[in-house]
C-alpha atoms as a PDB file:
ATOM      1  CA  UNK A   1     -46.128  12.570 151.400  1.00  0.00           C
ATOM      2  CA  UNK A   2     -47.752  14.914 148.895  1.00  0.00           C
ATOM      3  CA  UNK A   3     -45.864  18.031 150.016  1.00  0.00           C
ATOM      4  CA  UNK A   4     -42.111  17.645 150.083  1.00  0.00           C
ATOM      5  CA  UNK A   5     -39.951  18.922 152.886  1.00  0.00           C
ATOM      6  CA  UNK A   6     -38.433  21.670 150.771  1.00  0.00           C
ATOM      7  CA  UNK A   7     -41.812  23.008 149.680  1.00  0.00           C
ATOM      8  CA  UNK A   8     -43.074  23.085 153.257  1.00  0.00           C
ATOM      9  CA  UNK A   9     -40.003  25.113 154.216  1.00  0.00           C
ATOM     10  CA  UNK A  10     -41.167  27.844 151.841  1.00  0.00           C
ATOM     11  CA  UNK A  11     -44.634  28.213 153.346  1.00  0.00           C
ATOM     12  CA  UNK A  12     -43.511  28.080 156.972  1.00  0.00           C
ATOM     13  CA  UNK A  13     -41.240  31.156 156.800  1.00  0.00           C
ATOM     14  CA  UNK A  14     -43.972  33.050 154.969  1.00  0.00           C
ATOM     15  CA  UNK A  15     -46.436  32.314 157.767  1.00  0.00           C
ATOM     16  CA  UNK A  16     -43.903  33.404 160.380  1.00  0.00           C
ATOM     17  CA  UNK A  17     -43.192  36.637 158.496  1.00  0.00           C
ATOM     18  CA  UNK A  18     -46.894  37.461 158.275  1.00  0.00           C
ATOM     19  CA  UNK A  19     -47.416  36.913 161.989  1.00  0.00           C
ATOM     20  CA  UNK A  20     -44.206  38.739 162.797  1.00  0.00           C
ATOM     21  CA  UNK A  21     -45.141  41.869 160.856  1.00  0.00           C
ATOM     22  CA  UNK A  22     -47.835  42.715 163.392  1.00  0.00           C
ATOM     23  CA  UNK A  23     -45.594  41.785 166.309  1.00  0.00           C
ATOM     24  CA  UNK A  24     -42.893  44.133 165.022  1.00  0.00           C
ATOM     25  CA  UNK A  25     -45.193  47.129 165.417  1.00  0.00           C
ATOM     26  CA  UNK A  26     -45.908  46.164 169.007  1.00  0.00           C
ATOM     27  CA  UNK A  27     -42.199  45.653 169.550  1.00  0.00           C
ATOM     28  CA  UNK A  28     -41.411  49.228 168.614  1.00  0.00           C
ATOM     29  CA  UNK A  29     -43.988  50.538 171.069  1.00  0.00           C
ATOM     30  CA  UNK A  30     -42.634  48.285 173.807  1.00  0.00           C
ATOM     31  CA  UNK A  31     -39.072  49.533 173.362  1.00  0.00           C
ATOM     32  CA  UNK A  32     -40.278  53.134 173.291  1.00  0.00           C
ATOM     33  CA  UNK A  33     -41.855  52.598 176.717  1.00  0.00           C
ATOM     34  CA  UNK A  34     -38.372  53.196 178.143  1.00  0.00           C
ATOM     35  CA  UNK A  35     -39.011  56.595 179.750  1.00  0.00           C
ATOM     36  CA  UNK A  36     -36.506  59.424 180.203  1.00  0.00           C
ATOM     37  CA  UNK A  37     -36.299  63.183 179.554  1.00  0.00           C
ATOM     38  CA  UNK A  38     -35.571  63.370 175.838  1.00  0.00           C
ATOM     39  CA  UNK A  39     -34.886  67.112 175.977  1.00  0.00           C
ATOM     40  CA  UNK A  40     -31.973  66.555 178.346  1.00  0.00           C
ATOM     41  CA  UNK A  41     -30.699  63.413 176.597  1.00  0.00           C
ATOM     42  CA  UNK A  42     -31.336  63.841 172.848  1.00  0.00           C
ATOM     43  CA  UNK A  43     -28.437  61.507 172.147  1.00  0.00           C
ATOM     44  CA  UNK A  44     -30.132  58.701 174.048  1.00  0.00           C
ATOM     45  CA  UNK A  45     -33.268  59.358 172.037  1.00  0.00           C
ATOM     46  CA  UNK A  46     -31.248  58.907 168.845  1.00  0.00           C
ATOM     47  CA  UNK A  47     -29.687  55.736 170.214  1.00  0.00           C
ATOM     48  CA  UNK A  48     -33.085  54.343 171.149  1.00  0.00           C
ATOM     49  CA  UNK A  49     -34.466  55.108 167.701  1.00  0.00           C
ATOM     50  CA  UNK A  50     -31.449  53.478 166.065  1.00  0.00           C
ATOM     51  CA  UNK A  51     -31.884  50.429 168.296  1.00  0.00           C
ATOM     52  CA  UNK A  52     -35.449  49.980 167.027  1.00  0.00           C
ATOM     53  CA  UNK A  53     -34.948  51.118 163.435  1.00  0.00           C
ATOM     54  CA  UNK A  54     -31.917  49.011 162.607  1.00  0.00           C
ATOM     55  CA  UNK A  55     -33.495  45.892 164.064  1.00  0.00           C
ATOM     56  CA  UNK A  56     -36.440  46.418 161.725  1.00  0.00           C
ATOM     57  CA  UNK A  57     -34.104  47.037 158.792  1.00  0.00           C
ATOM     58  CA  UNK A  58     -32.193  43.886 159.646  1.00  0.00           C
ATOM     59  CA  UNK A  59     -35.374  41.832 159.754  1.00  0.00           C
ATOM     60  CA  UNK A  60     -36.516  43.142 156.370  1.00  0.00           C
ATOM     61  CA  UNK A  61     -33.161  42.720 154.631  1.00  0.00           C
ATOM     62  CA  UNK A  62     -32.538  39.422 156.408  1.00  0.00           C
ATOM     63  CA  UNK A  63     -35.842  38.081 155.120  1.00  0.00           C
ATOM     64  CA  UNK A  64     -34.849  39.003 151.579  1.00  0.00           C
ATOM     65  CA  UNK A  65     -31.397  37.473 152.051  1.00  0.00           C
ATOM     66  CA  UNK A  66     -32.905  34.260 153.393  1.00  0.00           C
ATOM     67  CA  UNK A  67     -35.324  34.018 150.471  1.00  0.00           C
ATOM     68  CA  UNK A  68     -32.494  34.655 148.015  1.00  0.00           C
ATOM     69  CA  UNK A  69     -30.401  31.935 149.646  1.00  0.00           C
ATOM     70  CA  UNK A  70     -33.301  29.492 149.339  1.00  0.00           C
ATOM     71  CA  UNK A  71     -33.572  30.181 145.617  1.00  0.00           C
ATOM     72  CA  UNK A  72     -29.852  30.330 144.816  1.00  0.00           C
ATOM     73  CA  UNK A  73     -28.340  27.616 142.631  1.00  0.00           C
ATOM     74  CA  UNK A  74     -29.830  24.857 140.537  1.00  0.00           C
ATOM     75  CA  UNK A  75     -29.696  22.331 143.391  1.00  0.00           C
ATOM     76  CA  UNK A  76     -30.406  24.875 146.146  1.00  0.00           C
ATOM     77  CA  UNK A  77     -27.203  24.216 148.150  1.00  0.00           C
ATOM     78  CA  UNK A  78     -27.986  27.024 150.635  1.00  0.00           C
ATOM     79  CA  UNK A  79     -31.441  25.719 151.535  1.00  0.00           C
ATOM     80  CA  UNK A  80     -30.543  24.609 155.047  1.00  0.00           C
ATOM     81  CA  UNK A  81     -28.166  27.517 155.655  1.00  0.00           C
ATOM     82  CA  UNK A  82     -30.702  30.180 154.647  1.00  0.00           C
ATOM     83  CA  UNK A  83     -32.022  30.852 158.191  1.00  0.00           C
ATOM     84  CA  UNK A  84     -28.461  31.276 159.447  1.00  0.00           C
ATOM     85  CA  UNK A  85     -27.609  33.703 156.651  1.00  0.00           C
ATOM     86  CA  UNK A  86     -30.752  35.701 157.382  1.00  0.00           C
ATOM     87  CA  UNK A  87     -29.725  35.853 161.045  1.00  0.00           C
ATOM     88  CA  UNK A  88     -26.264  37.087 160.028  1.00  0.00           C
ATOM     89  CA  UNK A  89     -27.887  40.071 158.324  1.00  0.00           C
ATOM     90  CA  UNK A  90     -30.080  40.806 161.359  1.00  0.00           C
ATOM     91  CA  UNK A  91     -27.146  40.697 163.780  1.00  0.00           C
ATOM     92  CA  UNK A  92     -25.052  42.877 161.467  1.00  0.00           C
ATOM     93  CA  UNK A  93     -27.834  45.460 161.280  1.00  0.00           C
ATOM     94  CA  UNK A  94     -28.256  45.534 165.063  1.00  0.00           C
ATOM     95  CA  UNK A  95     -24.532  46.048 165.582  1.00  0.00           C
ATOM     96  CA  UNK A  96     -24.308  48.752 162.906  1.00  0.00           C
ATOM     97  CA  UNK A  97     -27.252  50.571 164.468  1.00  0.00           C
ATOM     98  CA  UNK A  98     -25.595  50.709 167.865  1.00  0.00           C
ATOM     99  CA  UNK A  99     -22.189  51.685 166.556  1.00  0.00           C
ATOM    100  CA  UNK A 100     -23.613  54.424 164.334  1.00  0.00           C
ATOM    101  CA  UNK A 101     -25.544  56.200 167.094  1.00  0.00           C
ATOM    102  CA  UNK A 102     -23.873  55.613 170.446  1.00  0.00           C
ATOM    103  CA  UNK A 103     -21.485  58.572 170.161  1.00  0.00           C
ATOM    104  CA  UNK A 104     -24.423  60.972 170.137  1.00  0.00           C
ATOM    105  CA  UNK A 105     -25.485  59.637 173.548  1.00  0.00           C
ATOM    106  CA  UNK A 106     -22.154  60.486 175.187  1.00  0.00           C
ATOM    107  CA  UNK A 107     -23.007  63.767 176.879  1.00  0.00           C
ATOM    108  CA  UNK A 108     -20.301  66.056 178.210  1.00  0.00           C
ATOM    109  CA  UNK A 109     -19.357  65.312 181.800  1.00  0.00           C
ATOM    110  CA  UNK A 110     -16.870  63.648 184.062  1.00  0.00           C
ATOM    111  CA  UNK A 111     -16.119  59.995 183.516  1.00  0.00           C
ATOM    112  CA  UNK A 112     -17.141  57.371 186.023  1.00  0.00           C
ATOM    113  CA  UNK A 113     -15.134  54.273 186.817  1.00  0.00           C
ATOM    114  CA  UNK A 114     -17.146  51.255 185.635  1.00  0.00           C
ATOM    115  CA  UNK A 115     -16.628  47.569 185.108  1.00  0.00           C
ATOM    116  CA  UNK A 116     -19.238  46.221 182.731  1.00  0.00           C
ATOM    117  CA  UNK A 117     -19.579  42.473 182.164  1.00  0.00           C
ATOM    118  CA  UNK A 118     -21.502  40.607 179.499  1.00  0.00           C
ATOM    119  CA  UNK A 119     -23.506  38.548 181.977  1.00  0.00           C
ATOM    120  CA  UNK A 120     -25.045  41.761 183.317  1.00  0.00           C
ATOM    121  CA  UNK A 121     -26.797  42.244 179.968  1.00  0.00           C
ATOM    122  CA  UNK A 122     -27.445  38.690 178.771  1.00  0.00           C
ATOM    123  CA  UNK A 123     -31.037  37.415 179.155  1.00  0.00           C
ATOM    124  CA  UNK A 124     -30.455  34.176 181.148  1.00  0.00           C
ATOM    125  CA  UNK A 125     -33.431  32.120 179.955  1.00  0.00           C
ATOM    126  CA  UNK A 126     -33.054  33.103 176.307  1.00  0.00           C
ATOM    127  CA  UNK A 127     -29.315  32.451 176.407  1.00  0.00           C
ATOM    128  CA  UNK A 128     -29.769  28.956 177.849  1.00  0.00           C
ATOM    129  CA  UNK A 129     -32.472  28.205 175.308  1.00  0.00           C
ATOM    130  CA  UNK A 130     -30.277  29.378 172.440  1.00  0.00           C
ATOM    131  CA  UNK A 131     -27.389  27.189 173.618  1.00  0.00           C
ATOM    132  CA  UNK A 132     -29.760  24.196 173.678  1.00  0.00           C
ATOM    133  CA  UNK A 133     -30.921  25.012 170.153  1.00  0.00           C
ATOM    134  CA  UNK A 134     -27.310  25.225 169.023  1.00  0.00           C
ATOM    135  CA  UNK A 135     -26.612  21.779 170.477  1.00  0.00           C
ATOM    136  CA  UNK A 136     -29.723  20.476 168.723  1.00  0.00           C
ATOM    137  CA  UNK A 137     -28.575  21.855 165.373  1.00  0.00           C
ATOM    138  CA  UNK A 138     -25.081  20.413 165.715  1.00  0.00           C
ATOM    139  CA  UNK A 139     -26.496  16.994 166.629  1.00  0.00           C
ATOM    140  CA  UNK A 140     -28.966  17.026 163.741  1.00  0.00           C
ATOM    141  CA  UNK A 141     -26.305  18.094 161.246  1.00  0.00           C
ATOM    142  CA  UNK A 142     -23.885  15.432 162.461  1.00  0.00           C
ATOM    143  CA  UNK A 143     -26.534  12.709 162.162  1.00  0.00           C
ATOM    144  CA  UNK A 144     -27.765  13.721 158.721  1.00  0.00           C
ATOM    145  CA  UNK A 145     -24.231  14.158 157.386  1.00  0.00           C
ATOM    146  CA  UNK A 146     -23.213  10.678 158.527  1.00  0.00           C
ATOM    147  CA  UNK A 147     -26.454   9.113 157.241  1.00  0.00           C
ATOM    148  CA  UNK A 148     -26.235  10.656 153.770  1.00  0.00           C
ATOM    149  CA  UNK A 149     -25.046   8.958 150.592  1.00  0.00           C
ATOM    150  CA  UNK A 150     -24.361  10.039 146.983  1.00  0.00           C
ATOM    151  CA  UNK A 151     -27.326  10.781 144.744  1.00  0.00           C
ATOM    152  CA  UNK A 152     -27.983   9.140 141.371  1.00  0.00           C
ATOM    153  CA  UNK A 153     -25.494  11.496 139.717  1.00  0.00           C
ATOM    154  CA  UNK A 154     -22.728  10.642 142.169  1.00  0.00           C
ATOM    155  CA  UNK A 155     -22.906  13.905 144.112  1.00  0.00           C
ATOM    156  CA  UNK A 156     -21.775  13.103 147.652  1.00  0.00           C
ATOM    157  CA  UNK A 157     -23.977  13.854 150.628  1.00  0.00           C
ATOM    158  CA  UNK A 158     -27.155  14.706 148.763  1.00  0.00           C
ATOM    159  CA  UNK A 159     -29.303  11.589 149.220  1.00  0.00           C
ATOM    160  CA  UNK A 160     -30.147   8.885 151.735  1.00  0.00           C
ATOM    161  CA  UNK A 161     -30.514   5.235 150.736  1.00  0.00           C
ATOM    162  CA  UNK A 162     -31.333   1.896 152.340  1.00  0.00           C
ATOM    163  CA  UNK A 163     -31.216  -1.762 151.316  1.00  0.00           C
ATOM    164  CA  UNK A 164     -33.277  -4.668 152.602  1.00  0.00           C
ATOM    165  CA  UNK A 165     -34.055  -8.305 151.801  1.00  0.00           C
ATOM    166  CA  UNK A 166     -37.553  -9.624 151.224  1.00  0.00           C
ATOM    167  CA  UNK A 167     -38.662 -13.229 150.900  1.00  0.00           C
ATOM    168  CA  UNK A 168     -37.016 -16.480 151.895  1.00  0.00           C
ATOM    169  CA  UNK A 169     -34.746 -18.937 150.146  1.00  0.00           C
ATOM    170  CA  UNK A 170     -34.941 -18.889 146.379  1.00  0.00           C
ATOM    171  CA  UNK A 171     -37.779 -16.368 146.536  1.00  0.00           C
ATOM    172  CA  UNK A 172     -35.725 -13.786 148.404  1.00  0.00           C
ATOM    173  CA  UNK A 173     -34.544 -10.612 146.766  1.00  0.00           C
ATOM    174  CA  UNK A 174     -32.579  -7.510 147.612  1.00  0.00           C
ATOM    175  CA  UNK A 175     -34.362  -4.204 147.311  1.00  0.00           C
ATOM    176  CA  UNK A 176     -33.241  -0.626 147.747  1.00  0.00           C
ATOM    177  CA  UNK A 177     -34.649   2.867 147.939  1.00  0.00           C
ATOM    178  CA  UNK A 178     -33.234   6.366 147.984  1.00  0.00           C
ATOM    179  CA  UNK A 179     -34.545   9.829 148.730  1.00  0.00           C
ATOM    180  CA  UNK A 180     -33.179  13.188 147.686  1.00  0.00           C
ATOM    181  CA  UNK A 181     -32.572  15.977 148.530  1.00  0.00           C
ATOM    182  CA  UNK A 182     -31.277  14.966 151.937  1.00  0.00           C
ATOM    183  CA  UNK A 183     -29.262  17.238 154.272  1.00  0.00           C
ATOM    184  CA  UNK A 184     -25.925  15.528 153.877  1.00  0.00           C
ATOM    185  CA  UNK A 185     -22.533  17.148 153.345  1.00  0.00           C
ATOM    186  CA  UNK A 186     -23.669  18.683 150.052  1.00  0.00           C
ATOM    187  CA  UNK A 187     -25.836  21.001 152.146  1.00  0.00           C
ATOM    188  CA  UNK A 188     -24.444  20.850 155.674  1.00  0.00           C
ATOM    189  CA  UNK A 189     -21.021  22.143 154.667  1.00  0.00           C
ATOM    190  CA  UNK A 190     -22.756  25.443 153.914  1.00  0.00           C
ATOM    191  CA  UNK A 191     -24.586  25.210 157.223  1.00  0.00           C
ATOM    192  CA  UNK A 192     -21.259  24.928 159.018  1.00  0.00           C
ATOM    193  CA  UNK A 193     -19.821  27.962 157.237  1.00  0.00           C
ATOM    194  CA  UNK A 194     -22.915  30.073 157.867  1.00  0.00           C
ATOM    195  CA  UNK A 195     -23.038  29.017 161.520  1.00  0.00           C
ATOM    196  CA  UNK A 196     -19.397  29.950 162.060  1.00  0.00           C
ATOM    197  CA  UNK A 197     -20.005  33.355 160.473  1.00  0.00           C
ATOM    198  CA  UNK A 198     -23.106  33.959 162.597  1.00  0.00           C
ATOM    199  CA  UNK A 199     -21.439  33.010 165.872  1.00  0.00           C
ATOM    200  CA  UNK A 200     -18.347  35.095 165.112  1.00  0.00           C
ATOM    201  CA  UNK A 201     -20.441  38.136 164.260  1.00  0.00           C
ATOM    202  CA  UNK A 202     -22.641  37.637 167.327  1.00  0.00           C
ATOM    203  CA  UNK A 203     -19.624  37.471 169.643  1.00  0.00           C
ATOM    204  CA  UNK A 204     -18.196  40.599 168.031  1.00  0.00           C
ATOM    205  CA  UNK A 205     -21.512  42.385 168.438  1.00  0.00           C
ATOM    206  CA  UNK A 206     -21.819  41.409 172.095  1.00  0.00           C
ATOM    207  CA  UNK A 207     -18.294  42.589 172.867  1.00  0.00           C
ATOM    208  CA  UNK A 208     -18.788  45.909 171.068  1.00  0.00           C
ATOM    209  CA  UNK A 209     -22.116  46.495 172.793  1.00  0.00           C
ATOM    210  CA  UNK A 210     -20.794  45.831 176.276  1.00  0.00           C
ATOM    211  CA  UNK A 211     -17.536  47.726 175.838  1.00  0.00           C
ATOM    212  CA  UNK A 212     -18.688  50.826 173.988  1.00  0.00           C
ATOM    213  CA  UNK A 213     -17.784  53.873 176.101  1.00  0.00           C
ATOM    214  CA  UNK A 214     -20.143  56.248 177.891  1.00  0.00           C
ATOM    215  CA  UNK A 215     -20.136  58.948 180.574  1.00  0.00           C
ATOM    216  CA  UNK A 216     -20.705  56.752 183.598  1.00  0.00           C
ATOM    217  CA  UNK A 217     -20.932  59.555 186.165  1.00  0.00           C
ATOM    218  CA  UNK A 218     -24.541  60.390 185.191  1.00  0.00           C
ATOM    219  CA  UNK A 219     -26.918  57.900 186.916  1.00  0.00           C
ATOM    220  CA  UNK A 220     -29.838  58.606 184.568  1.00  0.00           C
ATOM    221  CA  UNK A 221     -27.689  58.205 181.479  1.00  0.00           C
ATOM    222  CA  UNK A 222     -26.317  54.956 182.889  1.00  0.00           C
ATOM    223  CA  UNK A 223     -29.834  53.639 183.586  1.00  0.00           C
ATOM    224  CA  UNK A 224     -31.135  54.330 180.095  1.00  0.00           C
ATOM    225  CA  UNK A 225     -27.922  53.284 178.377  1.00  0.00           C
ATOM    226  CA  UNK A 226     -27.902  49.984 180.280  1.00  0.00           C
ATOM    227  CA  UNK A 227     -31.483  49.363 179.180  1.00  0.00           C
ATOM    228  CA  UNK A 228     -30.557  49.982 175.549  1.00  0.00           C
ATOM    229  CA  UNK A 229     -27.588  47.643 175.864  1.00  0.00           C
ATOM    230  CA  UNK A 230     -29.884  44.928 177.225  1.00  0.00           C
ATOM    231  CA  UNK A 231     -32.269  45.440 174.319  1.00  0.00           C
ATOM    232  CA  UNK A 232     -29.366  45.160 171.872  1.00  0.00           C
ATOM    233  CA  UNK A 233     -27.830  42.082 173.504  1.00  0.00           C
ATOM    234  CA  UNK A 234     -31.228  40.407 173.691  1.00  0.00           C
ATOM    235  CA  UNK A 235     -31.752  41.119 169.989  1.00  0.00           C
ATOM    236  CA  UNK A 236     -28.413  39.560 169.064  1.00  0.00           C
ATOM    237  CA  UNK A 237     -29.063  36.425 171.120  1.00  0.00           C
ATOM    238  CA  UNK A 238     -32.613  36.140 169.764  1.00  0.00           C
ATOM    239  CA  UNK A 239     -31.370  36.497 166.179  1.00  0.00           C
ATOM    240  CA  UNK A 240     -28.891  33.687 166.775  1.00  0.00           C
ATOM    241  CA  UNK A 241     -31.722  31.614 168.214  1.00  0.00           C
ATOM    242  CA  UNK A 242     -33.879  32.237 165.149  1.00  0.00           C
ATOM    243  CA  UNK A 243     -31.090  31.302 162.749  1.00  0.00           C
ATOM    244  CA  UNK A 244     -30.015  28.198 164.644  1.00  0.00           C
ATOM    245  CA  UNK A 245     -33.536  26.902 165.265  1.00  0.00           C
ATOM    246  CA  UNK A 246     -34.576  27.683 161.692  1.00  0.00           C
ATOM    247  CA  UNK A 247     -31.742  25.603 160.274  1.00  0.00           C
ATOM    248  CA  UNK A 248     -32.362  22.857 162.834  1.00  0.00           C
ATOM    249  CA  UNK A 249     -36.016  22.784 161.808  1.00  0.00           C
ATOM    250  CA  UNK A 250     -35.081  22.524 158.137  1.00  0.00           C
ATOM    251  CA  UNK A 251     -32.572  19.723 158.697  1.00  0.00           C
ATOM    252  CA  UNK A 252     -34.753  17.637 161.010  1.00  0.00           C
ATOM    253  CA  UNK A 253     -37.956  18.151 159.028  1.00  0.00           C
ATOM    254  CA  UNK A 254     -36.515  17.181 155.659  1.00  0.00           C
ATOM    255  CA  UNK A 255     -34.391  14.322 157.002  1.00  0.00           C
ATOM    256  CA  UNK A 256     -37.317  12.974 159.007  1.00  0.00           C
ATOM    257  CA  UNK A 257     -39.680  13.018 156.044  1.00  0.00           C
ATOM    258  CA  UNK A 258     -37.097  11.419 153.756  1.00  0.00           C
ATOM    259  CA  UNK A 259     -36.319   8.648 156.229  1.00  0.00           C
ATOM    260  CA  UNK A 260     -39.992   7.855 156.779  1.00  0.00           C
ATOM    261  CA  UNK A 261     -40.548   7.580 153.031  1.00  0.00           C
ATOM    262  CA  UNK A 262     -37.794   4.995 152.564  1.00  0.00           C
ATOM    263  CA  UNK A 263     -38.463   1.279 152.481  1.00  0.00           C
ATOM    264  CA  UNK A 264     -39.571  -0.960 155.348  1.00  0.00           C
ATOM    265  CA  UNK A 265     -36.366  -0.622 157.368  1.00  0.00           C
ATOM    266  CA  UNK A 266     -37.118  -0.253 161.099  1.00  0.00           C
ATOM    267  CA  UNK A 267     -34.004   1.774 161.830  1.00  0.00           C
ATOM    268  CA  UNK A 268     -34.777   4.296 159.091  1.00  0.00           C
ATOM    269  CA  UNK A 269     -38.406   4.554 160.187  1.00  0.00           C
ATOM    270  CA  UNK A 270     -37.464   5.070 163.825  1.00  0.00           C
ATOM    271  CA  UNK A 271     -34.833   7.646 162.903  1.00  0.00           C
ATOM    272  CA  UNK A 272     -37.342   9.516 160.785  1.00  0.00           C
ATOM    273  CA  UNK A 273     -39.883   9.571 163.597  1.00  0.00           C
ATOM    274  CA  UNK A 274     -37.297  10.874 166.060  1.00  0.00           C
ATOM    275  CA  UNK A 275     -36.218  13.551 163.585  1.00  0.00           C
ATOM    276  CA  UNK A 276     -39.773  14.798 163.216  1.00  0.00           C
ATOM    277  CA  UNK A 277     -40.212  14.908 166.993  1.00  0.00           C
ATOM    278  CA  UNK A 278     -37.026  16.943 167.249  1.00  0.00           C
ATOM    279  CA  UNK A 279     -38.349  19.193 164.475  1.00  0.00           C
ATOM    280  CA  UNK A 280     -41.282  20.081 166.721  1.00  0.00           C
ATOM    281  CA  UNK A 281     -38.837  21.207 169.397  1.00  0.00           C
ATOM    282  CA  UNK A 282     -36.928  23.255 166.822  1.00  0.00           C
ATOM    283  CA  UNK A 283     -40.182  24.866 165.715  1.00  0.00           C
ATOM    284  CA  UNK A 284     -41.013  25.825 169.294  1.00  0.00           C
ATOM    285  CA  UNK A 285     -37.544  27.317 169.643  1.00  0.00           C
ATOM    286  CA  UNK A 286     -37.936  29.204 166.378  1.00  0.00           C
ATOM    287  CA  UNK A 287     -41.255  30.724 167.382  1.00  0.00           C
ATOM    288  CA  UNK A 288     -40.021  31.625 170.863  1.00  0.00           C
ATOM    289  CA  UNK A 289     -36.860  33.280 169.571  1.00  0.00           C
ATOM    290  CA  UNK A 290     -38.811  35.088 166.861  1.00  0.00           C
ATOM    291  CA  UNK A 291     -41.225  36.549 169.402  1.00  0.00           C
ATOM    292  CA  UNK A 292     -38.331  37.934 171.459  1.00  0.00           C
ATOM    293  CA  UNK A 293     -36.664  39.316 168.332  1.00  0.00           C
ATOM    294  CA  UNK A 294     -39.844  40.922 167.026  1.00  0.00           C
ATOM    295  CA  UNK A 295     -41.126  42.186 170.376  1.00  0.00           C
ATOM    296  CA  UNK A 296     -38.149  43.578 172.309  1.00  0.00           C
ATOM    297  CA  UNK A 297     -38.359  44.197 176.033  1.00  0.00           C
ATOM    298  CA  UNK A 298     -38.046  47.649 177.563  1.00  0.00           C
ATOM    299  CA  UNK A 299     -34.522  46.857 178.746  1.00  0.00           C
ATOM    300  CA  UNK A 300     -35.334  46.762 182.443  1.00  0.00           C
ATOM    301  CA  UNK A 301     -33.084  44.742 184.744  1.00  0.00           C
ATOM    302  CA  UNK A 302     -33.794  41.006 184.856  1.00  0.00           C
END
């Protein structure tokens, strides 16, 4: 192929960022559609603004962090982990935004006895989809790591190679081919570290969001605060979905293209075709998660 997998990974995020810039503006308006009396609850107004503002900050800084990860190092070891690292920044920004503003929303009043559970705030469809994307990433990483081989400089897990025999009898010969870069352990070890960091931060953010205190005796405050919690939880889950699907897309796209460009080995060709089909699914997941992240809901009950 004329365009390599790594080059295509540069143009795809740029296209998504361009489309997402317009969606982000609509997302802010959609979140602001949450109606309440701002003169009575100025703290909730501050919390709502922080919910929107810090998500935007996270997206901007996360995009820069992802681009920096793509360009870091002579051999670009963070290429396949870049979407996960960008998602880490987004989740961190969302959590910081909530923690920095929620105290202002705690109006004076009597406390109400509440028992809040995470499942009350999780978006069911998005959560299931994100879990499926996580399983897809883990499967793709396991396959590519096991299929990888050392490159021509002896660096483990950076290439993929095959051998085959052509001809018959005395005319037969052994031939081989290799492709690099390939998402073997040279790259996927970083994917594993970034994924662990993202999941740990996401769990922390979900727990902090659900458990942060409030004055539960005020029904209107509870209604608006619950909506803002749902917006925050949805943003965290969507950010995880973007990071996981982005890395899955990178791994499956590059591995699929490399395998298809190897020699006439049916197993390699079939594996490459399957990888590219899976890459389409990862792309769909990436776009779907990005839309949710860029265009937050109004926080109404599911």
